[in-house]
Amino acid sequence: MIIRKLKEEEIPLLYEIEIKTFKKSAWSQESFKYEYHNKHSYQFVVEYKNNIIGYAIIWIFEDESHLVNFAIKKEFRKKGFGEKLLKFVIDFSIKKGVNYIYLEVREKNIPAVSLYKKFNFIIVHKRKKYYNNNEDALIMVKKLKDKE
């Protein structure tokens, strides 16, 4: 397994995972292209046996990191790939001088909420009807280091 930066020509592969994972609320290919060229955005892929099986996209602004998109192909879930990718994102954020990392997650996405809690993210807020199907989002935050 390798975690590395996304190559632009791999965007269609991410989009395939996105559609299967998020269905009606999926990002467009144009959104992925925008992120690829956004100076605040970092995109990482999980490669396993020469196939991309997951990805994470984060934004970094000053001392905050925002995990804006995270997915692992269904057949590779609950095998440790998501944990390794999340740990990579956290470590990368620390190296960039980030104090906090935060994210939004569907309240009903119990496996994802459990993964984030395992890494000591805490729920700080609930956004009512955040998603396009009126589902609520949990705002979760992890403190990476104390401000100096």
N, C-alpha and C. Protein backbone atom coordinates (compact mmCIF):
# COMPACT_ATOMS: atom_id res chain seq x y z
N MET A 1 0.84 -1.18 0.00
CA MET A 1 0.00 0.00 0.00
C MET A 1 0.89 1.25 0.00
N ILE A 2 0.52 2.21 -0.82
CA ILE A 2 1.24 3.49 -0.93
C ILE A 2 0.22 4.62 -0.79
N ILE A 3 0.60 5.65 -0.05
CA ILE A 3 -0.19 6.88 -0.01
C ILE A 3 0.69 7.94 -0.64
N ARG A 4 0.12 8.62 -1.64
CA ARG A 4 0.91 9.61 -2.38
C ARG A 4 -0.01 10.70 -2.91
N LYS A 5 0.63 11.73 -3.49
CA LYS A 5 -0.14 12.83 -4.07
C LYS A 5 -0.86 12.36 -5.33
N LEU A 6 -2.01 12.93 -5.56
CA LEU A 6 -2.81 12.66 -6.75
C LEU A 6 -2.11 13.21 -7.99
N LYS A 7 -2.20 12.47 -9.09
CA LYS A 7 -1.78 12.96 -10.41
C LYS A 7 -3.04 13.41 -11.14
N GLU A 8 -2.93 14.48 -11.90
CA GLU A 8 -4.12 15.06 -12.53
C GLU A 8 -4.86 14.05 -13.40
N GLU A 9 -4.14 13.20 -14.09
CA GLU A 9 -4.79 12.22 -14.98
C GLU A 9 -5.56 11.14 -14.21
N GLU A 10 -5.41 11.11 -12.89
CA GLU A 10 -6.13 10.13 -12.06
C GLU A 10 -7.48 10.65 -11.56
N ILE A 11 -7.80 11.88 -11.86
CA ILE A 11 -9.07 12.46 -11.39
C ILE A 11 -10.27 11.60 -11.78
N PRO A 12 -10.36 11.06 -13.02
CA PRO A 12 -11.52 10.20 -13.34
C PRO A 12 -11.64 8.97 -12.42
N LEU A 13 -10.52 8.46 -11.94
CA LEU A 13 -10.55 7.31 -11.02
C LEU A 13 -11.15 7.71 -9.67
N LEU A 14 -10.80 8.91 -9.21
CA LEU A 14 -11.39 9.41 -7.97
C LEU A 14 -12.88 9.64 -8.14
N TYR A 15 -13.24 10.17 -9.28
CA TYR A 15 -14.64 10.45 -9.56
C TYR A 15 -15.47 9.14 -9.54
N GLU A 16 -14.92 8.06 -10.07
CA GLU A 16 -15.62 6.76 -10.02
C GLU A 16 -15.88 6.33 -8.58
N ILE A 17 -14.86 6.47 -7.73
CA ILE A 17 -15.03 6.11 -6.32
C ILE A 17 -16.06 7.04 -5.67
N GLU A 18 -15.97 8.31 -6.00
CA GLU A 18 -16.88 9.32 -5.45
C GLU A 18 -18.34 8.99 -5.74
N ILE A 19 -18.63 8.68 -7.01
CA ILE A 19 -20.01 8.39 -7.43
C ILE A 19 -20.55 7.17 -6.69
N LYS A 20 -19.73 6.13 -6.58
CA LYS A 20 -20.18 4.90 -5.91
C LYS A 20 -20.33 5.10 -4.40
N THR A 21 -19.53 5.99 -3.83
CA THR A 21 -19.56 6.21 -2.39
C THR A 21 -20.66 7.18 -1.97
N PHE A 22 -20.76 8.31 -2.68
CA PHE A 22 -21.64 9.37 -2.24
C PHE A 22 -22.90 9.55 -3.08
N LYS A 23 -23.00 8.82 -4.16
CA LYS A 23 -24.17 8.82 -5.04
C LYS A 23 -24.68 10.22 -5.36
N LYS A 24 -25.84 10.60 -4.86
CA LYS A 24 -26.48 11.87 -5.23
C LYS A 24 -25.73 13.11 -4.74
N SER A 25 -24.92 12.96 -3.70
CA SER A 25 -24.20 14.13 -3.18
C SER A 25 -22.73 14.15 -3.63
N ALA A 26 -22.43 13.38 -4.66
CA ALA A 26 -21.05 13.26 -5.12
C ALA A 26 -20.53 14.55 -5.75
N TRP A 27 -19.24 14.76 -5.59
CA TRP A 27 -18.58 15.86 -6.27
C TRP A 27 -18.54 15.57 -7.76
N SER A 28 -18.48 16.60 -8.56
CA SER A 28 -18.31 16.46 -10.02
C SER A 28 -16.82 16.31 -10.34
N GLN A 29 -16.54 15.86 -11.56
CA GLN A 29 -15.13 15.81 -11.99
C GLN A 29 -14.54 17.22 -11.99
N GLU A 30 -15.36 18.21 -12.32
CA GLU A 30 -14.89 19.60 -12.32
C GLU A 30 -14.47 20.03 -10.91
N SER A 31 -15.18 19.55 -9.90
CA SER A 31 -14.81 19.87 -8.52
C SER A 31 -13.43 19.30 -8.18
N PHE A 32 -13.18 18.07 -8.61
CA PHE A 32 -11.86 17.47 -8.38
C PHE A 32 -10.77 18.24 -9.12
N LYS A 33 -11.07 18.66 -10.36
CA LYS A 33 -10.10 19.44 -11.13
C LYS A 33 -9.82 20.77 -10.44
N TYR A 34 -10.86 21.40 -9.94
CA TYR A 34 -10.68 22.66 -9.22
C TYR A 34 -9.77 22.44 -8.02
N GLU A 35 -10.03 21.40 -7.25
CA GLU A 35 -9.21 21.11 -6.07
C GLU A 35 -7.76 20.87 -6.44
N TYR A 36 -7.55 20.20 -7.56
CA TYR A 36 -6.19 19.88 -8.00
C TYR A 36 -5.38 21.16 -8.21
N HIS A 37 -6.04 22.23 -8.64
CA HIS A 37 -5.35 23.48 -8.94
C HIS A 37 -5.50 24.54 -7.84
N ASN A 38 -6.23 24.21 -6.77
CA ASN A 38 -6.44 25.12 -5.65
C ASN A 38 -5.18 25.13 -4.78
N LYS A 39 -4.60 26.30 -4.56
CA LYS A 39 -3.33 26.38 -3.82
C LYS A 39 -3.47 26.00 -2.34
N HIS A 40 -4.67 25.96 -1.81
CA HIS A 40 -4.89 25.58 -0.42
C HIS A 40 -5.25 24.10 -0.27
N SER A 41 -5.38 23.40 -1.38
CA SER A 41 -5.87 22.03 -1.38
C SER A 41 -4.73 21.03 -1.60
N TYR A 42 -4.81 19.93 -0.85
CA TYR A 42 -3.85 18.83 -0.99
C TYR A 42 -4.66 17.57 -1.21
N GLN A 43 -4.30 16.80 -2.23
CA GLN A 43 -5.05 15.59 -2.58
C GLN A 43 -4.11 14.38 -2.50
N PHE A 44 -4.57 13.36 -1.79
CA PHE A 44 -3.77 12.15 -1.61
C PHE A 44 -4.59 10.93 -2.03
N VAL A 45 -3.91 9.94 -2.58
CA VAL A 45 -4.56 8.70 -2.96
C VAL A 45 -3.92 7.53 -2.22
N VAL A 46 -4.73 6.49 -2.03
CA VAL A 46 -4.25 5.22 -1.52
C VAL A 46 -4.15 4.29 -2.71
N GLU A 47 -2.95 3.80 -2.95
CA GLU A 47 -2.74 2.87 -4.06
C GLU A 47 -2.42 1.50 -3.47
N TYR A 48 -3.14 0.50 -3.95
CA TYR A 48 -2.95 -0.87 -3.46
C TYR A 48 -2.94 -1.79 -4.68
N LYS A 49 -1.85 -2.52 -4.83
CA LYS A 49 -1.68 -3.43 -5.97
C LYS A 49 -1.94 -2.69 -7.30
N ASN A 50 -1.33 -1.52 -7.42
CA ASN A 50 -1.41 -0.69 -8.63
C ASN A 50 -2.80 -0.15 -8.95
N ASN A 51 -3.68 -0.12 -7.97
CA ASN A 51 -5.03 0.44 -8.15
C ASN A 51 -5.29 1.49 -7.08
N ILE A 52 -5.93 2.58 -7.49
CA ILE A 52 -6.33 3.58 -6.51
C ILE A 52 -7.61 3.10 -5.84
N ILE A 53 -7.55 2.98 -4.51
CA ILE A 53 -8.70 2.44 -3.78
C ILE A 53 -9.31 3.46 -2.81
N GLY A 54 -8.70 4.64 -2.75
CA GLY A 54 -9.24 5.66 -1.86
C GLY A 54 -8.51 6.97 -2.01
N TYR A 55 -9.04 7.99 -1.34
CA TYR A 55 -8.43 9.31 -1.43
C TYR A 55 -8.87 10.18 -0.27
N ALA A 56 -8.08 11.22 -0.06
CA ALA A 56 -8.41 12.26 0.92
C ALA A 56 -8.03 13.60 0.31
N ILE A 57 -8.87 14.59 0.56
CA ILE A 57 -8.59 15.95 0.12
C ILE A 57 -8.72 16.85 1.34
N ILE A 58 -7.68 17.64 1.56
CA ILE A 58 -7.69 18.57 2.69
C ILE A 58 -7.37 19.98 2.20
N TRP A 59 -7.89 20.93 2.93
CA TRP A 59 -7.53 22.33 2.72
C TRP A 59 -6.73 22.75 3.93
N ILE A 60 -5.70 23.53 3.71
CA ILE A 60 -4.94 24.09 4.83
C ILE A 60 -4.94 25.61 4.70
N PHE A 61 -5.44 26.24 5.75
CA PHE A 61 -5.43 27.69 5.88
C PHE A 61 -4.77 28.03 7.21
N GLU A 62 -3.63 28.68 7.13
CA GLU A 62 -2.89 29.08 8.33
C GLU A 62 -2.69 27.88 9.26
N ASP A 63 -3.34 27.87 10.43
CA ASP A 63 -3.10 26.79 11.40
C ASP A 63 -4.23 25.77 11.45
N GLU A 64 -5.09 25.76 10.42
CA GLU A 64 -6.22 24.82 10.40
C GLU A 64 -6.18 23.96 9.15
N SER A 65 -6.57 22.72 9.34
CA SER A 65 -6.72 21.79 8.23
C SER A 65 -8.17 21.35 8.20
N HIS A 66 -8.75 21.30 7.01
CA HIS A 66 -10.14 20.90 6.85
C HIS A 66 -10.16 19.69 5.93
N LEU A 67 -10.58 18.56 6.45
CA LEU A 67 -10.72 17.35 5.64
C LEU A 67 -12.04 17.47 4.88
N VAL A 68 -11.95 17.78 3.58
CA VAL A 68 -13.16 18.09 2.81
C VAL A 68 -13.73 16.90 2.05
N ASN A 69 -12.90 15.89 1.81
CA ASN A 69 -13.41 14.70 1.11
C ASN A 69 -12.52 13.52 1.46
N PHE A 70 -13.16 12.38 1.71
CA PHE A 70 -12.44 11.19 2.17
C PHE A 70 -13.26 9.98 1.77
N ALA A 71 -12.67 9.06 1.04
CA ALA A 71 -13.41 7.86 0.64
C ALA A 71 -12.46 6.70 0.39
N ILE A 72 -12.96 5.52 0.70
CA ILE A 72 -12.29 4.26 0.40
C ILE A 72 -13.30 3.41 -0.35
N LYS A 73 -12.85 2.73 -1.42
CA LYS A 73 -13.76 1.84 -2.16
C LYS A 73 -14.40 0.86 -1.21
N LYS A 74 -15.66 0.57 -1.46
CA LYS A 74 -16.45 -0.27 -0.56
C LYS A 74 -15.78 -1.61 -0.23
N GLU A 75 -15.23 -2.26 -1.24
CA GLU A 75 -14.65 -3.59 -1.02
C GLU A 75 -13.34 -3.55 -0.22
N PHE A 76 -12.81 -2.36 0.03
CA PHE A 76 -11.56 -2.23 0.80
C PHE A 76 -11.79 -1.61 2.18
N ARG A 77 -13.03 -1.37 2.53
CA ARG A 77 -13.33 -0.81 3.84
C ARG A 77 -13.16 -1.87 4.92
N LYS A 78 -12.93 -1.40 6.14
CA LYS A 78 -12.75 -2.25 7.32
C LYS A 78 -11.54 -3.17 7.19
N LYS A 79 -10.54 -2.70 6.43
CA LYS A 79 -9.30 -3.46 6.26
C LYS A 79 -8.08 -2.62 6.67
N GLY A 80 -8.32 -1.46 7.26
CA GLY A 80 -7.24 -0.62 7.75
C GLY A 80 -6.77 0.47 6.81
N PHE A 81 -7.27 0.47 5.58
CA PHE A 81 -6.82 1.49 4.63
C PHE A 81 -7.28 2.89 5.03
N GLY A 82 -8.51 3.01 5.48
CA GLY A 82 -9.01 4.31 5.93
C GLY A 82 -8.24 4.83 7.13
N GLU A 83 -7.91 3.95 8.06
CA GLU A 83 -7.12 4.35 9.23
C GLU A 83 -5.75 4.86 8.81
N LYS A 84 -5.11 4.16 7.90
CA LYS A 84 -3.77 4.57 7.46
C LYS A 84 -3.83 5.90 6.71
N LEU A 85 -4.86 6.08 5.89
CA LEU A 85 -5.01 7.33 5.17
C LEU A 85 -5.28 8.49 6.12
N LEU A 86 -6.15 8.27 7.10
CA LEU A 86 -6.45 9.33 8.06
C LEU A 86 -5.20 9.68 8.88
N LYS A 87 -4.45 8.68 9.30
CA LYS A 87 -3.20 8.94 10.03
C LYS A 87 -2.23 9.73 9.17
N PHE A 88 -2.15 9.41 7.88
CA PHE A 88 -1.28 10.14 6.96
C PHE A 88 -1.70 11.61 6.89
N VAL A 89 -2.99 11.85 6.76
CA VAL A 89 -3.52 13.22 6.67
C VAL A 89 -3.20 14.00 7.96
N ILE A 90 -3.37 13.36 9.09
CA ILE A 90 -3.07 14.00 10.38
C ILE A 90 -1.59 14.34 10.46
N ASP A 91 -0.73 13.36 10.13
CA ASP A 91 0.72 13.59 10.17
C ASP A 91 1.15 14.68 9.20
N PHE A 92 0.57 14.68 8.00
CA PHE A 92 0.88 15.71 7.01
C PHE A 92 0.49 17.09 7.55
N SER A 93 -0.68 17.17 8.16
CA SER A 93 -1.15 18.44 8.72
C SER A 93 -0.21 18.93 9.82
N ILE A 94 0.24 18.04 10.66
CA ILE A 94 1.18 18.41 11.73
C ILE A 94 2.46 18.98 11.12
N LYS A 95 2.96 18.31 10.08
CA LYS A 95 4.20 18.78 9.42
C LYS A 95 4.01 20.16 8.81
N LYS A 96 2.78 20.49 8.44
CA LYS A 96 2.49 21.81 7.86
C LYS A 96 2.22 22.87 8.93
N GLY A 97 2.35 22.49 10.19
CA GLY A 97 2.19 23.45 11.27
C GLY A 97 0.76 23.68 11.72
N VAL A 98 -0.12 22.75 11.40
CA VAL A 98 -1.53 22.87 11.73
C VAL A 98 -1.78 22.58 13.21
N ASN A 99 -2.66 23.37 13.82
CA ASN A 99 -3.05 23.16 15.22
C ASN A 99 -4.32 22.33 15.36
N TYR A 100 -5.24 22.48 14.39
CA TYR A 100 -6.53 21.79 14.45
C TYR A 100 -6.87 21.21 13.08
N ILE A 101 -7.53 20.07 13.09
CA ILE A 101 -8.09 19.52 11.86
C ILE A 101 -9.57 19.28 12.12
N TYR A 102 -10.39 19.68 11.17
CA TYR A 102 -11.83 19.50 11.35
C TYR A 102 -12.46 18.95 10.08
N LEU A 103 -13.69 18.49 10.22
CA LEU A 103 -14.40 17.86 9.11
C LEU A 103 -15.89 17.88 9.38
N GLU A 104 -16.65 17.63 8.31
CA GLU A 104 -18.09 17.39 8.44
C GLU A 104 -18.32 15.93 8.03
N VAL A 105 -19.23 15.28 8.74
CA VAL A 105 -19.56 13.89 8.43
C VAL A 105 -21.06 13.69 8.65
N ARG A 106 -21.65 12.88 7.81
CA ARG A 106 -23.08 12.59 7.99
C ARG A 106 -23.29 11.94 9.35
N GLU A 107 -24.29 12.44 10.06
CA GLU A 107 -24.56 11.91 11.40
C GLU A 107 -24.85 10.41 11.35
N LYS A 108 -25.49 9.95 10.29
CA LYS A 108 -25.87 8.54 10.18
C LYS A 108 -24.75 7.65 9.64
N ASN A 109 -23.61 8.24 9.28
CA ASN A 109 -22.48 7.45 8.78
C ASN A 109 -21.67 6.94 9.97
N ILE A 110 -22.22 5.95 10.63
CA ILE A 110 -21.64 5.43 11.87
C ILE A 110 -20.21 4.91 11.67
N PRO A 111 -19.90 4.18 10.59
CA PRO A 111 -18.51 3.72 10.43
C PRO A 111 -17.52 4.89 10.35
N ALA A 112 -17.87 5.94 9.63
CA ALA A 112 -16.97 7.10 9.51
C ALA A 112 -16.85 7.82 10.85
N VAL A 113 -17.97 8.05 11.53
CA VAL A 113 -17.93 8.72 12.83
C VAL A 113 -17.06 7.91 13.79
N SER A 114 -17.19 6.59 13.77
CA SER A 114 -16.39 5.72 14.63
C SER A 114 -14.90 5.84 14.31
N LEU A 115 -14.57 5.89 13.03
CA LEU A 115 -13.17 6.04 12.62
C LEU A 115 -12.60 7.34 13.17
N TYR A 116 -13.34 8.43 13.00
CA TYR A 116 -12.84 9.72 13.47
C TYR A 116 -12.71 9.74 14.99
N LYS A 117 -13.67 9.15 15.69
CA LYS A 117 -13.58 9.09 17.15
C LYS A 117 -12.37 8.27 17.59
N LYS A 118 -12.06 7.22 16.85
CA LYS A 118 -10.89 6.38 17.17
C LYS A 118 -9.61 7.22 17.13
N PHE A 119 -9.60 8.26 16.30
CA PHE A 119 -8.45 9.15 16.19
C PHE A 119 -8.62 10.42 17.02
N ASN A 120 -9.51 10.35 17.99
CA ASN A 120 -9.73 11.42 18.97
C ASN A 120 -10.32 12.71 18.40
N PHE A 121 -11.08 12.59 17.33
CA PHE A 121 -11.88 13.72 16.89
C PHE A 121 -13.08 13.80 17.84
N ILE A 122 -13.49 15.00 18.16
CA ILE A 122 -14.66 15.16 19.02
C ILE A 122 -15.74 15.94 18.26
N ILE A 123 -16.98 15.62 18.57
CA ILE A 123 -18.11 16.32 17.96
C ILE A 123 -18.27 17.65 18.67
N VAL A 124 -18.25 18.73 17.89
CA VAL A 124 -18.38 20.07 18.48
C VAL A 124 -19.66 20.78 18.08
N HIS A 125 -20.33 20.25 17.04
CA HIS A 125 -21.53 20.93 16.57
C HIS A 125 -22.29 19.99 15.62
N LYS A 126 -23.57 20.26 15.49
CA LYS A 126 -24.39 19.56 14.50
C LYS A 126 -24.99 20.61 13.57
N ARG A 127 -24.81 20.40 12.27
CA ARG A 127 -25.43 21.30 11.28
C ARG A 127 -26.68 20.61 10.75
N LYS A 128 -27.81 21.19 11.05
CA LYS A 128 -29.09 20.63 10.62
C LYS A 128 -29.23 20.74 9.10
N LYS A 129 -29.72 19.68 8.51
CA LYS A 129 -30.05 19.64 7.07
C LYS A 129 -28.89 20.14 6.19
N TYR A 130 -27.68 19.77 6.54
CA TYR A 130 -26.48 20.22 5.83
C TYR A 130 -26.36 19.63 4.43
N TYR A 131 -26.73 18.36 4.31
CA TYR A 131 -26.57 17.68 3.03
C TYR A 131 -27.83 17.85 2.16
N ASN A 132 -27.66 17.60 0.87
CA ASN A 132 -28.76 17.87 -0.08
C ASN A 132 -30.00 17.00 0.16
N ASN A 133 -29.89 15.95 0.94
CA ASN A 133 -31.06 15.14 1.28
C ASN A 133 -31.60 15.51 2.66
N ASN A 134 -31.20 16.70 3.15
CA ASN A 134 -31.61 17.22 4.45
C ASN A 134 -31.04 16.45 5.65
N GLU A 135 -30.05 15.63 5.39
CA GLU A 135 -29.40 14.91 6.49
C GLU A 135 -28.49 15.86 7.26
N ASP A 136 -28.41 15.63 8.57
CA ASP A 136 -27.57 16.47 9.43
C ASP A 136 -26.10 16.07 9.32
N ALA A 137 -25.24 17.07 9.54
CA ALA A 137 -23.79 16.84 9.57
C ALA A 137 -23.28 17.06 10.98
N LEU A 138 -22.33 16.24 11.37
CA LEU A 138 -21.61 16.46 12.61
C LEU A 138 -20.32 17.18 12.26
N ILE A 139 -20.00 18.21 13.00
CA ILE A 139 -18.72 18.89 12.85
C ILE A 139 -17.80 18.28 13.91
N MET A 140 -16.69 17.72 13.45
CA MET A 140 -15.75 17.06 14.35
C MET A 140 -14.39 17.75 14.24
N VAL A 141 -13.72 17.84 15.38
CA VAL A 141 -12.43 18.53 15.44
C VAL A 141 -11.43 17.68 16.23
N LYS A 142 -10.19 17.75 15.77
CA LYS A 142 -9.09 17.13 16.51
C LYS A 142 -8.03 18.19 16.73
N LYS A 143 -7.64 18.36 17.98
CA LYS A 143 -6.57 19.29 18.32
C LYS A 143 -5.25 18.57 18.08
N LEU A 144 -4.39 19.16 17.25
CA LEU A 144 -3.12 18.51 16.91
C LEU A 144 -1.99 18.98 17.82
N LYS A 145 -2.01 20.26 18.16
CA LYS A 145 -1.00 20.79 19.08
C LYS A 145 -1.51 22.09 19.67
N ASP A 146 -0.91 22.48 20.75
CA ASP A 146 -1.28 23.74 21.39
C ASP A 146 -0.70 24.89 20.58
N LYS A 147 -1.45 25.98 20.55
CA LYS A 147 -0.94 27.20 19.92
C LYS A 147 0.22 27.72 20.75
N GLU A 148 1.20 28.25 20.06
CA GLU A 148 2.40 28.74 20.76
C GLU A 148 2.25 30.20 21.12
